[in-house]
Amino acid sequence: MNNLNVYSLNYSQNKRTKNKDQTILIKFLTILTVIICLSILFILLFSLLGKGKTSDNFIKHEIKVGESLWSIANHYYDSNKVDLRKIVYNIKEINNINSSLIIPGKKLLVPLN
């Protein structure tokens, strides 16, 4: 009978230790998951804030008859210092223009960076 009591006592102690270890592991994994999720959230938040463009970086340009995206880009930038292809690409991207055809009277946002 004494052996049975020792076995029962050891079994219950081992079970408590195992349950305690599982509880610690679950707490650790929960905390780790929360930290990872918060880190991802902050990274996404600050990367989106960093990409935000303010209206100070743009100028509104009204398209005149005879103008092209190239002439507009050349008006605001020195073609010897910057690649006008990149400027034209940026103008098209910012204004959601798919082709090089532009309509006189329409206003474009021209980046000034």
Protein backbone atom coordinates (compact mmCIF):
# COMPACT_ATOMS: atom_id res chain seq x y z
CA MET A 1 0.00 0.00 0.00
CA ASN A 2 2.88 2.29 0.73
CA ASN A 3 4.20 1.86 -2.81
CA LEU A 4 0.85 2.89 -4.21
CA ASN A 5 0.88 6.09 -2.15
CA VAL A 6 4.41 6.93 -3.30
CA TYR A 7 3.38 6.31 -6.91
CA SER A 8 0.27 8.44 -6.52
CA LEU A 9 2.25 11.22 -4.89
CA ASN A 10 4.93 11.15 -7.61
CA TYR A 11 2.32 11.00 -10.34
CA SER A 12 0.42 13.99 -8.99
CA GLN A 13 3.65 15.99 -8.54
CA ASN A 14 4.77 15.13 -12.06
CA LYS A 15 1.37 16.11 -13.42
CA ARG A 16 1.47 19.46 -11.58
CA THR A 17 4.98 20.12 -12.87
CA LYS A 18 3.91 19.21 -16.40
CA ASN A 19 0.83 21.44 -16.17
CA LYS A 20 2.97 24.27 -14.80
CA ASP A 21 5.46 23.86 -17.66
CA GLN A 22 2.62 23.89 -20.20
CA THR A 23 1.15 27.02 -18.63
CA ILE A 24 4.53 28.78 -18.79
CA LEU A 25 4.96 27.73 -22.42
CA ILE A 26 1.48 28.98 -23.34
CA LYS A 27 2.11 32.32 -21.62
CA PHE A 28 5.47 32.68 -23.36
CA LEU A 29 4.01 31.90 -26.79
CA THR A 30 1.12 34.30 -26.20
CA ILE A 31 3.47 37.13 -25.22
CA LEU A 32 5.75 36.37 -28.16
CA THR A 33 2.80 36.42 -30.57
CA VAL A 34 1.59 39.75 -29.20
CA ILE A 35 5.08 41.26 -29.53
CA ILE A 36 5.41 40.04 -33.12
CA CYS A 37 1.96 41.35 -34.06
CA LEU A 38 2.66 44.76 -32.51
CA SER A 39 6.03 44.94 -34.26
CA ILE A 40 4.43 44.21 -37.62
CA LEU A 41 1.72 46.78 -36.93
CA PHE A 42 4.25 49.50 -36.07
CA ILE A 43 6.40 48.68 -39.10
CA LEU A 44 3.42 48.91 -41.43
CA LEU A 45 2.14 52.07 -39.79
CA PHE A 46 5.44 53.93 -39.97
CA SER A 47 6.20 52.75 -43.49
CA LEU A 48 2.84 54.08 -44.66
CA LEU A 49 3.41 57.37 -42.85
CA GLY A 50 6.84 57.68 -44.44
CA LYS A 51 5.42 57.23 -47.93
CA GLY A 52 2.77 59.88 -47.46
CA LYS A 53 3.18 62.80 -49.79
CA THR A 54 2.12 66.22 -48.68
CA SER A 55 0.72 68.90 -50.92
CA ASP A 56 3.93 70.90 -50.36
CA ASN A 57 5.73 68.46 -52.63
CA PHE A 58 3.47 69.19 -55.61
CA ILE A 59 2.40 72.07 -57.77
CA LYS A 60 -0.86 72.23 -59.72
CA HIS A 61 -0.27 72.85 -63.39
CA GLU A 62 -3.06 73.65 -65.83
CA ILE A 63 -2.38 72.09 -69.21
CA LYS A 64 -2.23 74.59 -72.04
CA VAL A 65 -2.79 73.94 -75.75
CA GLY A 66 0.32 72.45 -77.34
CA GLU A 67 1.86 71.22 -74.10
CA SER A 68 3.01 67.67 -73.55
CA LEU A 69 4.06 65.80 -70.44
CA TRP A 70 7.65 66.25 -71.60
CA SER A 71 7.34 70.01 -71.97
CA ILE A 72 5.69 70.27 -68.55
CA ALA A 73 8.47 68.18 -66.98
CA ASN A 74 11.10 70.28 -68.76
CA HIS A 75 9.41 73.48 -67.49
CA TYR A 76 9.84 72.49 -63.83
CA TYR A 77 13.12 70.54 -64.04
CA ASP A 78 16.50 71.07 -65.63
CA SER A 79 16.93 68.28 -68.18
CA ASN A 80 20.71 68.36 -67.62
CA LYS A 81 20.32 67.52 -63.91
CA VAL A 82 17.49 64.98 -63.87
CA ASP A 83 16.18 62.25 -66.13
CA LEU A 84 12.96 63.66 -67.59
CA ARG A 85 11.71 60.13 -68.28
CA LYS A 86 11.44 59.55 -64.54
CA ILE A 87 9.65 62.87 -64.05
CA VAL A 88 7.15 62.09 -66.83
CA TYR A 89 6.62 58.63 -65.32
CA ASN A 90 5.99 60.18 -61.87
CA ILE A 91 3.55 62.73 -63.30
CA LYS A 92 1.64 59.95 -65.06
CA GLU A 93 1.60 57.78 -61.94
CA ILE A 94 0.48 60.55 -59.56
CA ASN A 95 -2.30 61.70 -61.89
CA ASN A 96 -3.43 58.19 -62.92
CA ILE A 97 -2.66 58.79 -66.58
CA ASN A 98 -2.23 55.69 -68.74
CA SER A 99 -1.18 57.32 -72.02
CA SER A 100 0.78 60.38 -73.02
CA LEU A 101 -2.33 62.12 -74.35
CA ILE A 102 -3.34 65.03 -72.15
CA ILE A 103 -6.29 67.41 -72.44
CA PRO A 104 -5.83 71.20 -72.35
CA GLY A 105 -7.53 72.78 -69.35
CA LYS A 106 -7.05 69.75 -67.13
CA LYS A 107 -4.96 70.26 -63.99
CA LEU A 108 -2.02 68.04 -63.19
CA LEU A 109 -0.10 67.54 -59.99
CA VAL A 110 3.61 67.88 -60.73
CA PRO A 111 6.04 66.55 -58.09
CA LEU A 112 8.67 69.04 -56.98
CA ASN A 113 11.23 66.72 -55.39
